[in-house]
């Protein structure tokens, strides 16, 4: 299966997502923690729903 998020892209998303979630928990701001879940999930899954709309593909090469 071909994902549209590459390895480096996925690592950056997971780190950013975990950072936002940790910051949201420490500051008791659940909105920031919820927003951090988005890059975390897209990084873990390897698919970004906005990439096809923007015609971006950092994953597999065709």
N, C-alpha and C. Protein backbone atom coordinates (compact mmCIF):
# COMPACT_ATOMS: atom_id res chain seq x y z
N UNK A 1 0.85 -1.18 0.00
CA UNK A 1 0.00 0.00 0.00
C UNK A 1 0.89 1.24 0.00
N UNK A 2 0.47 2.24 -0.71
CA UNK A 2 1.26 3.47 -0.86
C UNK A 2 0.65 4.58 0.00
N UNK A 3 1.45 5.12 0.89
CA UNK A 3 1.00 6.21 1.74
C UNK A 3 1.48 7.54 1.16
N UNK A 4 0.82 8.63 1.51
CA UNK A 4 1.24 9.92 0.94
C UNK A 4 2.13 10.72 1.88
N UNK A 5 2.50 10.16 3.02
CA UNK A 5 3.42 10.82 3.95
C UNK A 5 4.69 9.98 4.05
N UNK A 6 5.82 10.60 3.79
CA UNK A 6 7.10 9.91 3.83
C UNK A 6 7.60 9.69 5.25
N UNK A 7 8.74 9.03 5.36
CA UNK A 7 9.30 8.65 6.66
C UNK A 7 9.62 9.87 7.52
N UNK A 8 10.33 10.84 6.96
CA UNK A 8 10.70 12.04 7.72
C UNK A 8 9.45 12.83 8.09
N UNK A 9 8.52 12.95 7.15
CA UNK A 9 7.26 13.65 7.38
C UNK A 9 6.50 13.01 8.54
N UNK A 10 6.46 11.69 8.55
CA UNK A 10 5.75 10.98 9.61
C UNK A 10 6.41 11.18 10.97
N UNK A 11 7.75 11.14 11.00
CA UNK A 11 8.47 11.33 12.27
C UNK A 11 8.21 12.73 12.81
N UNK A 12 8.27 13.73 11.94
CA UNK A 12 8.03 15.12 12.37
C UNK A 12 6.61 15.27 12.90
N UNK A 13 5.64 14.66 12.23
CA UNK A 13 4.25 14.75 12.68
C UNK A 13 4.05 14.09 14.04
N UNK A 14 4.65 12.92 14.24
CA UNK A 14 4.49 12.23 15.53
C UNK A 14 5.12 13.04 16.66
N UNK A 15 6.32 13.56 16.43
CA UNK A 15 7.00 14.36 17.46
C UNK A 15 6.21 15.63 17.76
N UNK A 16 5.74 16.31 16.71
CA UNK A 16 4.96 17.53 16.91
C UNK A 16 3.65 17.23 17.63
N UNK A 17 2.99 16.15 17.25
CA UNK A 17 1.74 15.77 17.90
C UNK A 17 1.93 15.45 19.38
N UNK A 18 2.97 14.68 19.68
CA UNK A 18 3.25 14.36 21.08
C UNK A 18 3.61 15.61 21.88
N UNK A 19 4.36 16.51 21.25
CA UNK A 19 4.71 17.76 21.91
C UNK A 19 3.49 18.61 22.22
N UNK A 20 2.58 18.73 21.26
CA UNK A 20 1.35 19.50 21.50
C UNK A 20 0.47 18.85 22.57
N UNK A 21 0.38 17.53 22.54
CA UNK A 21 -0.42 16.83 23.55
C UNK A 21 0.19 17.04 24.93
N UNK A 22 1.50 16.91 25.05
CA UNK A 22 2.16 17.11 26.35
C UNK A 22 1.98 18.54 26.83
N UNK A 23 2.14 19.50 25.93
CA UNK A 23 1.95 20.91 26.32
C UNK A 23 0.51 21.16 26.75
N UNK A 24 -0.44 20.59 26.04
CA UNK A 24 -1.84 20.75 26.40
C UNK A 24 -2.17 20.15 27.75
N UNK A 25 -1.58 19.01 28.06
CA UNK A 25 -1.83 18.37 29.35
C UNK A 25 -1.19 19.16 30.48
N UNK A 26 0.05 19.62 30.28
CA UNK A 26 0.76 20.37 31.32
C UNK A 26 0.05 21.68 31.63
N UNK A 27 -0.44 22.35 30.59
CA UNK A 27 -1.11 23.64 30.80
C UNK A 27 -2.62 23.50 31.00
N UNK A 28 -3.11 22.27 31.06
CA UNK A 28 -4.53 21.98 31.23
C UNK A 28 -5.36 22.61 30.12
N UNK A 29 -4.82 22.63 28.92
CA UNK A 29 -5.52 23.17 27.75
C UNK A 29 -5.84 21.99 26.83
N UNK A 30 -7.03 21.46 26.99
CA UNK A 30 -7.40 20.26 26.24
C UNK A 30 -7.63 20.54 24.76
N UNK A 31 -7.86 21.79 24.39
CA UNK A 31 -8.01 22.14 22.98
C UNK A 31 -6.68 21.92 22.27
N UNK A 32 -5.59 22.38 22.87
CA UNK A 32 -4.26 22.18 22.28
C UNK A 32 -3.94 20.69 22.23
N UNK A 33 -4.29 19.97 23.26
CA UNK A 33 -4.04 18.53 23.28
C UNK A 33 -4.85 17.83 22.18
N UNK A 34 -6.07 18.27 21.97
CA UNK A 34 -6.89 17.71 20.90
C UNK A 34 -6.33 18.01 19.52
N UNK A 35 -5.82 19.22 19.35
CA UNK A 35 -5.20 19.60 18.08
C UNK A 35 -3.93 18.78 17.86
N UNK A 36 -3.22 18.46 18.92
CA UNK A 36 -2.01 17.64 18.81
C UNK A 36 -2.31 16.21 18.38
N UNK A 37 -3.54 15.76 18.60
CA UNK A 37 -3.91 14.40 18.19
C UNK A 37 -3.96 14.27 16.68
N UNK A 38 -4.23 15.37 15.98
CA UNK A 38 -4.34 15.31 14.51
C UNK A 38 -3.01 14.97 13.86
N UNK A 39 -1.92 15.72 14.13
CA UNK A 39 -0.65 15.31 13.50
C UNK A 39 -0.15 13.96 14.01
N UNK A 40 -0.45 13.63 15.26
CA UNK A 40 -0.03 12.34 15.78
C UNK A 40 -0.69 11.21 15.00
N UNK A 41 -1.99 11.30 14.79
CA UNK A 41 -2.70 10.24 14.07
C UNK A 41 -2.30 10.17 12.60
N UNK A 42 -2.14 11.33 11.96
CA UNK A 42 -1.73 11.29 10.55
C UNK A 42 -0.31 10.76 10.41
N UNK A 43 0.53 11.02 11.40
CA UNK A 43 1.89 10.47 11.37
C UNK A 43 1.91 8.98 11.59
N UNK A 44 1.08 8.49 12.47
CA UNK A 44 1.03 7.05 12.74
C UNK A 44 0.42 6.28 11.58
N UNK A 45 -0.60 6.86 10.95
CA UNK A 45 -1.28 6.19 9.85
C UNK A 45 -0.50 6.32 8.55
N UNK A 46 0.17 7.47 8.36
CA UNK A 46 0.94 7.68 7.14
C UNK A 46 0.14 8.31 6.02
N UNK A 47 -1.03 8.81 6.33
CA UNK A 47 -1.89 9.42 5.31
C UNK A 47 -2.39 10.77 5.82
N UNK A 48 -2.19 11.81 5.01
CA UNK A 48 -2.69 13.13 5.33
C UNK A 48 -3.83 13.45 4.37
N UNK A 49 -5.04 13.74 4.87
CA UNK A 49 -6.17 13.98 3.98
C UNK A 49 -6.04 15.28 3.17
N UNK A 50 -5.19 16.20 3.57
CA UNK A 50 -5.02 17.45 2.84
C UNK A 50 -4.03 17.32 1.68
N UNK A 51 -3.14 16.34 1.73
CA UNK A 51 -2.13 16.19 0.69
C UNK A 51 -2.74 15.96 -0.70
N UNK A 52 -3.74 15.10 -0.86
CA UNK A 52 -4.32 14.93 -2.21
C UNK A 52 -4.94 16.21 -2.75
N UNK A 53 -5.55 17.00 -1.90
CA UNK A 53 -6.15 18.26 -2.34
C UNK A 53 -5.09 19.24 -2.82
N UNK A 54 -3.92 19.21 -2.16
CA UNK A 54 -2.83 20.11 -2.52
C UNK A 54 -1.86 19.49 -3.52
N UNK A 55 -2.14 18.23 -3.93
CA UNK A 55 -1.30 17.49 -4.86
C UNK A 55 0.14 17.34 -4.36
N UNK A 56 0.25 17.00 -3.06
CA UNK A 56 1.54 16.77 -2.43
C UNK A 56 1.65 15.29 -2.10
N UNK A 57 2.83 14.73 -2.30
CA UNK A 57 3.08 13.34 -1.96
C UNK A 57 4.53 13.22 -1.50
N UNK A 58 4.76 13.05 -0.21
CA UNK A 58 6.11 12.87 0.30
C UNK A 58 6.41 11.40 0.55
N UNK A 59 5.44 10.54 0.26
CA UNK A 59 5.60 9.11 0.49
C UNK A 59 6.17 8.41 -0.71
N UNK A 60 5.43 7.44 -1.22
CA UNK A 60 5.93 6.60 -2.32
C UNK A 60 6.02 7.39 -3.62
N UNK A 61 6.97 6.99 -4.42
CA UNK A 61 7.16 7.61 -5.73
C UNK A 61 6.50 6.73 -6.77
N UNK A 62 5.77 7.33 -7.68
CA UNK A 62 5.08 6.55 -8.71
C UNK A 62 5.91 6.44 -9.96
